Amino acid sequence: MGSTADFVQFIVDQCSGAGEITAKKNPMLESNKHVPSFLDEVIPPNLVCSQELRAFFQQHLGSDFHFKVEFQKWLKENAGKTYGDAVEAYKALQGNRK
């Protein structure tokens, strides 16, 4: 800030909206929050397992789908493969659990 005049101007700007402060978003979370539209899309590196991504998998695997640790690990280790591959891997992991 510096001087009292700078501080007063800061307060005036804040009250008038001229110095509007916006919340910063975490660019890592925003850039990795990818939601596919099709099964042939490629899984990006550092994928974030979001609610939107869970909804995508529920469309293809049923409403009982949940992110399990082993599937999240598979997604992380298989960036570059497709979401179709991920669907098949999830089914295989589920088959191994039974």
PDB file of N, CA and C in Angstrom:
ATOM      1  N   MET A   1       0.821  -1.175   0.000  1.00  0.00           N
ATOM      2  CA  MET A   1       0.000   0.000   0.000  1.00  0.00           C
ATOM      3  C   MET A   1       0.874   1.250   0.000  1.00  0.00           C
ATOM      4  N   GLY A   2       1.575   1.427   1.047  1.00  0.00           N
ATOM      5  CA  GLY A   2       2.420   2.606   1.121  1.00  0.00           C
ATOM      6  C   GLY A   2       1.824   3.670   2.014  1.00  0.00           C
ATOM      7  N   SER A   3       1.299   4.721   1.401  1.00  0.00           N
ATOM      8  CA  SER A   3       0.812   5.863   2.174  1.00  0.00           C
ATOM      9  C   SER A   3      -0.653   5.713   2.573  1.00  0.00           C
ATOM     10  N   THR A   4      -1.077   6.605   3.436  1.00  0.00           N
ATOM     11  CA  THR A   4      -2.477   6.636   3.855  1.00  0.00           C
ATOM     12  C   THR A   4      -3.373   6.947   2.658  1.00  0.00           C
ATOM     13  N   ALA A   5      -2.911   7.830   1.791  1.00  0.00           N
ATOM     14  CA  ALA A   5      -3.692   8.190   0.600  1.00  0.00           C
ATOM     15  C   ALA A   5      -3.897   6.970  -0.302  1.00  0.00           C
ATOM     16  N   ASP A   6      -2.861   6.131  -0.434  1.00  0.00           N
ATOM     17  CA  ASP A   6      -2.999   4.906  -1.232  1.00  0.00           C
ATOM     18  C   ASP A   6      -4.036   3.979  -0.613  1.00  0.00           C
ATOM     19  N   PHE A   7      -4.013   3.878   0.719  1.00  0.00           N
ATOM     20  CA  PHE A   7      -4.960   3.015   1.418  1.00  0.00           C
ATOM     21  C   PHE A   7      -6.383   3.529   1.242  1.00  0.00           C
ATOM     22  N   VAL A   8      -6.560   4.841   1.383  1.00  0.00           N
ATOM     23  CA  VAL A   8      -7.892   5.438   1.204  1.00  0.00           C
ATOM     24  C   VAL A   8      -8.381   5.201  -0.222  1.00  0.00           C
ATOM     25  N   GLN A   9      -7.508   5.368  -1.186  1.00  0.00           N
ATOM     26  CA  GLN A   9      -7.902   5.134  -2.582  1.00  0.00           C
ATOM     27  C   GLN A   9      -8.272   3.670  -2.801  1.00  0.00           C
ATOM     28  N   PHE A  10      -7.557   2.760  -2.171  1.00  0.00           N
ATOM     29  CA  PHE A  10      -7.868   1.331  -2.256  1.00  0.00           C
ATOM     30  C   PHE A  10      -9.273   1.071  -1.727  1.00  0.00           C
ATOM     31  N   ILE A  11      -9.608   1.653  -0.568  1.00  0.00           N
ATOM     32  CA  ILE A  11     -10.935   1.480   0.033  1.00  0.00           C
ATOM     33  C   ILE A  11     -12.008   2.067  -0.884  1.00  0.00           C
ATOM     34  N   VAL A  12     -11.777   3.225  -1.425  1.00  0.00           N
ATOM     35  CA  VAL A  12     -12.733   3.859  -2.342  1.00  0.00           C
ATOM     36  C   VAL A  12     -12.938   2.974  -3.568  1.00  0.00           C
ATOM     37  N   ASP A  13     -11.858   2.451  -4.122  1.00  0.00           N
ATOM     38  CA  ASP A  13     -11.955   1.578  -5.296  1.00  0.00           C
ATOM     39  C   ASP A  13     -12.753   0.319  -4.970  1.00  0.00           C
ATOM     40  N   GLN A  14     -12.519  -0.245  -3.793  1.00  0.00           N
ATOM     41  CA  GLN A  14     -13.237  -1.462  -3.399  1.00  0.00           C
ATOM     42  C   GLN A  14     -14.729  -1.194  -3.241  1.00  0.00           C
ATOM     43  N   CYS A  15     -15.070  -0.072  -2.635  1.00  0.00           N
ATOM     44  CA  CYS A  15     -16.479   0.262  -2.412  1.00  0.00           C
ATOM     45  C   CYS A  15     -17.197   0.610  -3.703  1.00  0.00           C
ATOM     46  N   SER A  16     -16.488   1.170  -4.659  1.00  0.00           N
ATOM     47  CA  SER A  16     -17.116   1.557  -5.921  1.00  0.00           C
ATOM     48  C   SER A  16     -17.101   0.438  -6.953  1.00  0.00           C
ATOM     49  N   GLY A  17     -16.349  -0.623  -6.678  1.00  0.00           N
ATOM     50  CA  GLY A  17     -16.250  -1.729  -7.627  1.00  0.00           C
ATOM     51  C   GLY A  17     -15.134  -1.540  -8.636  1.00  0.00           C
ATOM     52  N   ALA A  18     -14.446  -0.403  -8.600  1.00  0.00           N
ATOM     53  CA  ALA A  18     -13.381  -0.137  -9.564  1.00  0.00           C
ATOM     54  C   ALA A  18     -12.194  -1.068  -9.364  1.00  0.00           C
ATOM     55  N   GLY A  19     -11.939  -1.420  -8.136  1.00  0.00           N
ATOM     56  CA  GLY A  19     -10.812  -2.300  -7.832  1.00  0.00           C
ATOM     57  C   GLY A  19     -11.305  -3.681  -7.480  1.00  0.00           C
ATOM     58  N   GLU A  20     -12.173  -4.197  -8.281  1.00  0.00           N
ATOM     59  CA  GLU A  20     -12.834  -5.468  -7.972  1.00  0.00           C
ATOM     60  C   GLU A  20     -11.834  -6.601  -7.784  1.00  0.00           C
ATOM     61  N   ILE A  21     -11.999  -7.316  -6.693  1.00  0.00           N
ATOM     62  CA  ILE A  21     -11.137  -8.454  -6.389  1.00  0.00           C
ATOM     63  C   ILE A  21     -11.898  -9.721  -6.756  1.00  0.00           C
ATOM     64  N   THR A  22     -11.272 -10.573  -7.512  1.00  0.00           N
ATOM     65  CA  THR A  22     -11.905 -11.834  -7.889  1.00  0.00           C
ATOM     66  C   THR A  22     -11.123 -12.980  -7.261  1.00  0.00           C
ATOM     67  N   ALA A  23     -11.832 -14.018  -6.910  1.00  0.00           N
ATOM     68  CA  ALA A  23     -11.174 -15.187  -6.328  1.00  0.00           C
ATOM     69  C   ALA A  23     -10.347 -15.883  -7.394  1.00  0.00           C
ATOM     70  N   LYS A  24      -9.159 -16.275  -7.017  1.00  0.00           N
ATOM     71  CA  LYS A  24      -8.298 -16.999  -7.945  1.00  0.00           C
ATOM     72  C   LYS A  24      -8.681 -18.461  -7.952  1.00  0.00           C
ATOM     73  N   LYS A  25      -8.724 -19.041  -9.132  1.00  0.00           N
ATOM     74  CA  LYS A  25      -9.006 -20.461  -9.269  1.00  0.00           C
ATOM     75  C   LYS A  25      -7.686 -21.202  -9.395  1.00  0.00           C
ATOM     76  N   ASN A  26      -7.686 -22.415  -8.894  1.00  0.00           N
ATOM     77  CA  ASN A  26      -6.501 -23.246  -9.009  1.00  0.00           C
ATOM     78  C   ASN A  26      -6.390 -23.714 -10.458  1.00  0.00           C
ATOM     79  N   PRO A  27      -5.403 -23.227 -11.224  1.00  0.00           N
ATOM     80  CA  PRO A  27      -5.310 -23.603 -12.634  1.00  0.00           C
ATOM     81  C   PRO A  27      -5.069 -25.090 -12.846  1.00  0.00           C
ATOM     82  N   MET A  28      -4.447 -25.776 -11.890  1.00  0.00           N
ATOM     83  CA  MET A  28      -4.214 -27.210 -12.039  1.00  0.00           C
ATOM     84  C   MET A  28      -5.540 -27.969 -12.019  1.00  0.00           C
ATOM     85  N   LEU A  29      -6.433 -27.579 -11.123  1.00  0.00           N
ATOM     86  CA  LEU A  29      -7.718 -28.265 -11.041  1.00  0.00           C
ATOM     87  C   LEU A  29      -8.594 -27.934 -12.236  1.00  0.00           C
ATOM     88  N   GLU A  30      -8.588 -26.683 -12.657  1.00  0.00           N
ATOM     89  CA  GLU A  30      -9.423 -26.291 -13.782  1.00  0.00           C
ATOM     90  C   GLU A  30      -8.968 -26.941 -15.084  1.00  0.00           C
ATOM     91  N   SER A  31      -7.661 -26.966 -15.320  1.00  0.00           N
ATOM     92  CA  SER A  31      -7.174 -27.490 -16.589  1.00  0.00           C
ATOM     93  C   SER A  31      -7.307 -29.008 -16.673  1.00  0.00           C
ATOM     94  N   ASN A  32      -7.334 -29.694 -15.537  1.00  0.00           N
ATOM     95  CA  ASN A  32      -7.394 -31.151 -15.547  1.00  0.00           C
ATOM     96  C   ASN A  32      -8.796 -31.686 -15.319  1.00  0.00           C
ATOM     97  N   LYS A  33      -9.757 -30.806 -15.168  1.00  0.00           N
ATOM     98  CA  LYS A  33     -11.125 -31.227 -14.914  1.00  0.00           C
ATOM     99  C   LYS A  33     -11.810 -31.468 -16.255  1.00  0.00           C
ATOM    100  N   HIS A  34     -11.338 -32.490 -16.930  1.00  0.00           N
ATOM    101  CA  HIS A  34     -11.827 -32.825 -18.266  1.00  0.00           C
ATOM    102  C   HIS A  34     -13.003 -33.783 -18.164  1.00  0.00           C
ATOM    103  N   VAL A  35     -14.073 -33.487 -18.891  1.00  0.00           N
ATOM    104  CA  VAL A  35     -15.213 -34.394 -18.948  1.00  0.00           C
ATOM    105  C   VAL A  35     -15.377 -34.820 -20.405  1.00  0.00           C
ATOM    106  N   PRO A  36     -15.213 -36.103 -20.666  1.00  0.00           N
ATOM    107  CA  PRO A  36     -15.315 -36.588 -22.046  1.00  0.00           C
ATOM    108  C   PRO A  36     -16.763 -36.607 -22.533  1.00  0.00           C
ATOM    109  N   SER A  37     -16.914 -36.605 -23.839  1.00  0.00           N
ATOM    110  CA  SER A  37     -18.233 -36.744 -24.454  1.00  0.00           C
ATOM    111  C   SER A  37     -18.389 -38.123 -25.071  1.00  0.00           C
ATOM    112  N   PHE A  38     -17.264 -38.726 -25.456  1.00  0.00           N
ATOM    113  CA  PHE A  38     -17.294 -40.000 -26.155  1.00  0.00           C
ATOM    114  C   PHE A  38     -16.268 -40.963 -25.560  1.00  0.00           C
ATOM    115  N   LEU A  39     -16.517 -42.247 -25.751  1.00  0.00           N
ATOM    116  CA  LEU A  39     -15.604 -43.268 -25.227  1.00  0.00           C
ATOM    117  C   LEU A  39     -14.266 -43.292 -25.951  1.00  0.00           C
ATOM    118  N   ASP A  40     -14.201 -42.747 -27.166  1.00  0.00           N
ATOM    119  CA  ASP A  40     -12.936 -42.787 -27.897  1.00  0.00           C
ATOM    120  C   ASP A  40     -12.030 -41.588 -27.601  1.00  0.00           C
ATOM    121  N   GLU A  41     -12.431 -40.752 -26.667  1.00  0.00           N
ATOM    122  CA  GLU A  41     -11.567 -39.628 -26.268  1.00  0.00           C
ATOM    123  C   GLU A  41     -10.420 -40.149 -25.409  1.00  0.00           C
ATOM    124  N   VAL A  42      -9.300 -39.467 -25.474  1.00  0.00           N
ATOM    125  CA  VAL A  42      -8.081 -39.872 -24.776  1.00  0.00           C
ATOM    126  C   VAL A  42      -8.077 -39.328 -23.349  1.00  0.00           C
ATOM    127  N   ILE A  43      -7.655 -40.160 -22.426  1.00  0.00           N
ATOM    128  CA  ILE A  43      -7.532 -39.776 -21.020  1.00  0.00           C
ATOM    129  C   ILE A  43      -6.318 -38.856 -20.883  1.00  0.00           C
ATOM    130  N   PRO A  44      -6.511 -37.635 -20.363  1.00  0.00           N
ATOM    131  CA  PRO A  44      -5.373 -36.721 -20.219  1.00  0.00           C
ATOM    132  C   PRO A  44      -4.533 -37.069 -18.988  1.00  0.00           C
ATOM    133  N   PRO A  45      -3.284 -36.617 -18.964  1.00  0.00           N
ATOM    134  CA  PRO A  45      -2.467 -36.826 -17.764  1.00  0.00           C
ATOM    135  C   PRO A  45      -3.033 -35.998 -16.611  1.00  0.00           C
ATOM    136  N   ASN A  46      -2.801 -36.442 -15.408  1.00  0.00           N
ATOM    137  CA  ASN A  46      -3.230 -35.733 -14.194  1.00  0.00           C
ATOM    138  C   ASN A  46      -4.736 -35.477 -14.156  1.00  0.00           C
ATOM    139  N   LEU A  47      -5.488 -36.457 -14.579  1.00  0.00           N
ATOM    140  CA  LEU A  47      -6.939 -36.364 -14.602  1.00  0.00           C
ATOM    141  C   LEU A  47      -7.508 -36.168 -13.202  1.00  0.00           C
ATOM    142  N   VAL A  48      -8.497 -35.290 -13.072  1.00  0.00           N
ATOM    143  CA  VAL A  48      -9.184 -35.070 -11.805  1.00  0.00           C
ATOM    144  C   VAL A  48     -10.479 -35.864 -11.835  1.00  0.00           C
ATOM    145  N   CYS A  49     -10.692 -36.699 -10.834  1.00  0.00           N
ATOM    146  CA  CYS A  49     -11.909 -37.521 -10.747  1.00  0.00           C
ATOM    147  C   CYS A  49     -13.026 -36.680 -10.141  1.00  0.00           C
ATOM    148  N   SER A  50     -13.739 -35.964 -10.982  1.00  0.00           N
ATOM    149  CA  SER A  50     -14.773 -35.034 -10.551  1.00  0.00           C
ATOM    150  C   SER A  50     -16.151 -35.686 -10.554  1.00  0.00           C
ATOM    151  N   GLN A  51     -17.113 -34.970 -10.018  1.00  0.00           N
ATOM    152  CA  GLN A  51     -18.500 -35.439 -10.046  1.00  0.00           C
ATOM    153  C   GLN A  51     -18.991 -35.573 -11.488  1.00  0.00           C
ATOM    154  N   GLU A  52     -18.554 -34.665 -12.346  1.00  0.00           N
ATOM    155  CA  GLU A  52     -18.957 -34.712 -13.749  1.00  0.00           C
ATOM    156  C   GLU A  52     -18.389 -35.951 -14.441  1.00  0.00           C
ATOM    157  N   LEU A  53     -17.159 -36.294 -14.113  1.00  0.00           N
ATOM    158  CA  LEU A  53     -16.545 -37.485 -14.694  1.00  0.00           C
ATOM    159  C   LEU A  53     -17.230 -38.746 -14.162  1.00  0.00           C
ATOM    160  N   ARG A  54     -17.601 -38.724 -12.880  1.00  0.00           N
ATOM    161  CA  ARG A  54     -18.331 -39.853 -12.306  1.00  0.00           C
ATOM    162  C   ARG A  54     -19.664 -40.043 -13.035  1.00  0.00           C
ATOM    163  N   ALA A  55     -20.341 -38.940 -13.350  1.00  0.00           N
ATOM    164  CA  ALA A  55     -21.614 -39.018 -14.082  1.00  0.00           C
ATOM    165  C   ALA A  55     -21.401 -39.632 -15.465  1.00  0.00           C
ATOM    166  N   PHE A  56     -20.282 -39.295 -16.120  1.00  0.00           N
ATOM    167  CA  PHE A  56     -19.965 -39.887 -17.427  1.00  0.00           C
ATOM    168  C   PHE A  56     -19.817 -41.400 -17.298  1.00  0.00           C
ATOM    169  N   PHE A  57     -19.048 -41.844 -16.312  1.00  0.00           N
ATOM    170  CA  PHE A  57     -18.858 -43.285 -16.134  1.00  0.00           C
ATOM    171  C   PHE A  57     -20.158 -43.976 -15.714  1.00  0.00           C
ATOM    172  N   GLN A  58     -20.994 -43.292 -14.970  1.00  0.00           N
ATOM    173  CA  GLN A  58     -22.283 -43.883 -14.603  1.00  0.00           C
ATOM    174  C   GLN A  58     -23.152 -44.115 -15.838  1.00  0.00           C
ATOM    175  N   GLN A  59     -23.041 -43.250 -16.824  1.00  0.00           N
ATOM    176  CA  GLN A  59     -23.786 -43.441 -18.076  1.00  0.00           C
ATOM    177  C   GLN A  59     -23.362 -44.732 -18.766  1.00  0.00           C
ATOM    178  N   HIS A  60     -22.090 -45.075 -18.661  1.00  0.00           N
ATOM    179  CA  HIS A  60     -21.552 -46.227 -19.388  1.00  0.00           C
ATOM    180  C   HIS A  60     -21.433 -47.487 -18.539  1.00  0.00           C
ATOM    181  N   LEU A  61     -21.447 -47.320 -17.213  1.00  0.00           N
ATOM    182  CA  LEU A  61     -21.252 -48.481 -16.339  1.00  0.00           C
ATOM    183  C   LEU A  61     -22.411 -48.712 -15.367  1.00  0.00           C
ATOM    184  N   GLY A  62     -23.358 -47.821 -15.357  1.00  0.00           N
ATOM    185  CA  GLY A  62     -24.502 -47.966 -14.469  1.00  0.00           C
ATOM    186  C   GLY A  62     -24.412 -47.071 -13.249  1.00  0.00           C
ATOM    187  N   SER A  63     -25.537 -46.903 -12.590  1.00  0.00           N
ATOM    188  CA  SER A  63     -25.612 -45.972 -11.463  1.00  0.00           C
ATOM    189  C   SER A  63     -24.831 -46.441 -10.238  1.00  0.00           C
ATOM    190  N   ASP A  64     -24.416 -47.691 -10.214  1.00  0.00           N
ATOM    191  CA  ASP A  64     -23.623 -48.202  -9.088  1.00  0.00           C
ATOM    192  C   ASP A  64     -22.147 -47.829  -9.188  1.00  0.00           C
ATOM    193  N   PHE A  65     -21.735 -47.198 -10.304  1.00  0.00           N
ATOM    194  CA  PHE A  65     -20.329 -46.840 -10.479  1.00  0.00           C
ATOM    195  C   PHE A  65     -19.884 -45.876  -9.378  1.00  0.00           C
ATOM    196  N   HIS A  66     -18.706 -46.145  -8.819  1.00  0.00           N
ATOM    197  CA  HIS A  66     -18.032 -45.243  -7.885  1.00  0.00           C
ATOM    198  C   HIS A  66     -16.539 -45.316  -8.176  1.00  0.00           C
ATOM    199  N   PHE A  67     -15.848 -44.186  -7.972  1.00  0.00           N
ATOM    200  CA  PHE A  67     -14.398 -44.198  -8.124  1.00  0.00           C
ATOM    201  C   PHE A  67     -13.802 -44.986  -6.974  1.00  0.00           C
ATOM    202  N   LYS A  68     -13.172 -46.067  -7.298  1.00  0.00           N
ATOM    203  CA  LYS A  68     -12.463 -46.856  -6.301  1.00  0.00           C
ATOM    204  C   LYS A  68     -10.968 -46.594  -6.489  1.00  0.00           C
ATOM    205  N   VAL A  69     -10.203 -46.785  -5.442  1.00  0.00           N
ATOM    206  CA  VAL A  69      -8.781 -46.468  -5.466  1.00  0.00           C
ATOM    207  C   VAL A  69      -8.071 -47.174  -6.612  1.00  0.00           C
ATOM    208  N   GLU A  70      -8.362 -48.452  -6.800  1.00  0.00           N
ATOM    209  CA  GLU A  70      -7.673 -49.197  -7.861  1.00  0.00           C
ATOM    210  C   GLU A  70      -8.008 -48.654  -9.245  1.00  0.00           C
ATOM    211  N   PHE A  71      -9.234 -48.176  -9.451  1.00  0.00           N
ATOM    212  CA  PHE A  71      -9.601 -47.604 -10.750  1.00  0.00           C
ATOM    213  C   PHE A  71      -8.968 -46.228 -10.927  1.00  0.00           C
ATOM    214  N   GLN A  72      -8.929 -45.437  -9.877  1.00  0.00           N
ATOM    215  CA  GLN A  72      -8.259 -44.141  -9.961  1.00  0.00           C
ATOM    216  C   GLN A  72      -6.783 -44.324 -10.295  1.00  0.00           C
ATOM    217  N   LYS A  73      -6.166 -45.328  -9.693  1.00  0.00           N
ATOM    218  CA  LYS A  73      -4.764 -45.635  -9.989  1.00  0.00           C
ATOM    219  C   LYS A  73      -4.612 -46.036 -11.458  1.00  0.00           C
ATOM    220  N   TRP A  74      -5.558 -46.850 -11.959  1.00  0.00           N
ATOM    221  CA  TRP A  74      -5.518 -47.264 -13.362  1.00  0.00           C
ATOM    222  C   TRP A  74      -5.598 -46.037 -14.265  1.00  0.00           C
ATOM    223  N   LEU A  75      -6.518 -45.120 -13.970  1.00  0.00           N
ATOM    224  CA  LEU A  75      -6.662 -43.902 -14.785  1.00  0.00           C
ATOM    225  C   LEU A  75      -5.359 -43.104 -14.801  1.00  0.00           C
ATOM    226  N   LYS A  76      -4.750 -42.963 -13.635  1.00  0.00           N
ATOM    227  CA  LYS A  76      -3.508 -42.189 -13.527  1.00  0.00           C
ATOM    228  C   LYS A  76      -2.376 -42.837 -14.328  1.00  0.00           C
ATOM    229  N   GLU A  77      -2.296 -44.154 -14.272  1.00  0.00           N
ATOM    230  CA  GLU A  77      -1.210 -44.866 -14.946  1.00  0.00           C
ATOM    231  C   GLU A  77      -1.450 -45.069 -16.438  1.00  0.00           C
ATOM    232  N   ASN A  78      -2.664 -44.802 -16.911  1.00  0.00           N
ATOM    233  CA  ASN A  78      -2.995 -45.087 -18.306  1.00  0.00           C
ATOM    234  C   ASN A  78      -3.439 -43.864 -19.093  1.00  0.00           C
ATOM    235  N   ALA A  79      -2.907 -42.694 -18.727  1.00  0.00           N
ATOM    236  CA  ALA A  79      -3.155 -41.495 -19.526  1.00  0.00           C
ATOM    237  C   ALA A  79      -2.689 -41.789 -20.949  1.00  0.00           C
ATOM    238  N   GLY A  80      -3.471 -41.362 -21.913  1.00  0.00           N
ATOM    239  CA  GLY A  80      -3.145 -41.635 -23.313  1.00  0.00           C
ATOM    240  C   GLY A  80      -4.025 -42.732 -23.900  1.00  0.00           C
ATOM    241  N   LYS A  81      -4.592 -43.570 -23.033  1.00  0.00           N
ATOM    242  CA  LYS A  81      -5.564 -44.558 -23.504  1.00  0.00           C
ATOM    243  C   LYS A  81      -6.925 -43.875 -23.588  1.00  0.00           C
ATOM    244  N   THR A  82      -7.932 -44.579 -24.060  1.00  0.00           N
ATOM    245  CA  THR A  82      -9.241 -43.966 -24.224  1.00  0.00           C
ATOM    246  C   THR A  82     -10.148 -44.253 -23.028  1.00  0.00           C
ATOM    247  N   TYR A  83     -11.218 -43.494 -22.956  1.00  0.00           N
ATOM    248  CA  TYR A  83     -12.212 -43.741 -21.917  1.00  0.00           C
ATOM    249  C   TYR A  83     -12.910 -45.077 -22.145  1.00  0.00           C
ATOM    250  N   GLY A  84     -12.977 -45.537 -23.381  1.00  0.00           N
ATOM    251  CA  GLY A  84     -13.490 -46.873 -23.662  1.00  0.00           C
ATOM    252  C   GLY A  84     -12.602 -47.926 -23.015  1.00  0.00           C
ATOM    253  N   ASP A  85     -11.291 -47.725 -23.099  1.00  0.00           N
ATOM    254  CA  ASP A  85     -10.353 -48.625 -22.417  1.00  0.00           C
ATOM    255  C   ASP A  85     -10.599 -48.592 -20.911  1.00  0.00           C
ATOM    256  N   ALA A  86     -10.893 -47.402 -20.391  1.00  0.00           N
ATOM    257  CA  ALA A  86     -11.139 -47.257 -18.954  1.00  0.00           C
ATOM    258  C   ALA A  86     -12.395 -48.017 -18.540  1.00  0.00           C
ATOM    259  N   VAL A  87     -13.434 -47.960 -19.371  1.00  0.00           N
ATOM    260  CA  VAL A  87     -14.672 -48.687 -19.068  1.00  0.00           C
ATOM    261  C   VAL A  87     -14.390 -50.185 -18.999  1.00  0.00           C
ATOM    262  N   GLU A  88     -13.622 -50.686 -19.964  1.00  0.00           N
ATOM    263  CA  GLU A  88     -13.284 -52.113 -19.962  1.00  0.00           C
ATOM    264  C   GLU A  88     -12.411 -52.482 -18.771  1.00  0.00           C
ATOM    265  N   ALA A  89     -11.478 -51.598 -18.411  1.00  0.00           N
ATOM    266  CA  ALA A  89     -10.611 -51.848 -17.257  1.00  0.00           C
ATOM    267  C   ALA A  89     -11.433 -51.880 -15.970  1.00  0.00           C
ATOM    268  N   TYR A  90     -12.405 -50.984 -15.849  1.00  0.00           N
ATOM    269  CA  TYR A  90     -13.253 -50.977 -14.662  1.00  0.00           C
ATOM    270  C   TYR A  90     -14.012 -52.293 -14.544  1.00  0.00           C
ATOM    271  N   LYS A  91     -14.561 -52.757 -15.665  1.00  0.00           N
ATOM    272  CA  LYS A  91     -15.284 -54.029 -15.662  1.00  0.00           C
ATOM    273  C   LYS A  91     -14.362 -55.176 -15.250  1.00  0.00           C
ATOM    274  N   ALA A  92     -13.136 -55.167 -15.753  1.00  0.00           N
ATOM    275  CA  ALA A  92     -12.177 -56.209 -15.401  1.00  0.00           C
ATOM    276  C   ALA A  92     -11.817 -56.141 -13.919  1.00  0.00           C
ATOM    277  N   LEU A  93     -11.612 -54.932 -13.403  1.00  0.00           N
ATOM    278  CA  LEU A  93     -11.297 -54.782 -11.990  1.00  0.00           C
ATOM    279  C   LEU A  93     -12.454 -55.256 -11.120  1.00  0.00           C
ATOM    280  N   GLN A  94     -13.665 -54.967 -11.545  1.00  0.00           N
ATOM    281  CA  GLN A  94     -14.841 -55.419 -10.801  1.00  0.00           C
ATOM    282  C   GLN A  94     -14.942 -56.943 -10.840  1.00  0.00           C
ATOM    283  N   GLY A  95     -14.606 -57.532 -11.987  1.00  0.00           N
ATOM    284  CA  GLY A  95     -14.634 -58.983 -12.123  1.00  0.00           C
ATOM    285  C   GLY A  95     -13.622 -59.662 -11.223  1.00  0.00           C
ATOM    286  N   ASN A  96     -12.470 -59.015 -11.036  1.00  0.00           N
ATOM    287  CA  ASN A  96     -11.427 -59.559 -10.168  1.00  0.00           C
ATOM    288  C   ASN A  96     -11.806 -59.494  -8.693  1.00  0.00           C
ATOM    289  N   ARG A  97     -12.744 -58.618  -8.350  1.00  0.00           N
ATOM    290  CA  ARG A  97     -13.146 -58.442  -6.952  1.00  0.00           C
ATOM    291  C   ARG A  97     -14.126 -59.525  -6.515  1.00  0.00           C
ATOM    292  N   LYS A  98     -14.784 -60.134  -7.481  1.00  0.00           N
ATOM    293  CA  LYS A  98     -15.832 -61.125  -7.144  1.00  0.00           C
ATOM    294  C   LYS A  98     -15.267 -62.484  -6.914  1.00  0.00           C
TER     295      LYS A  98
END
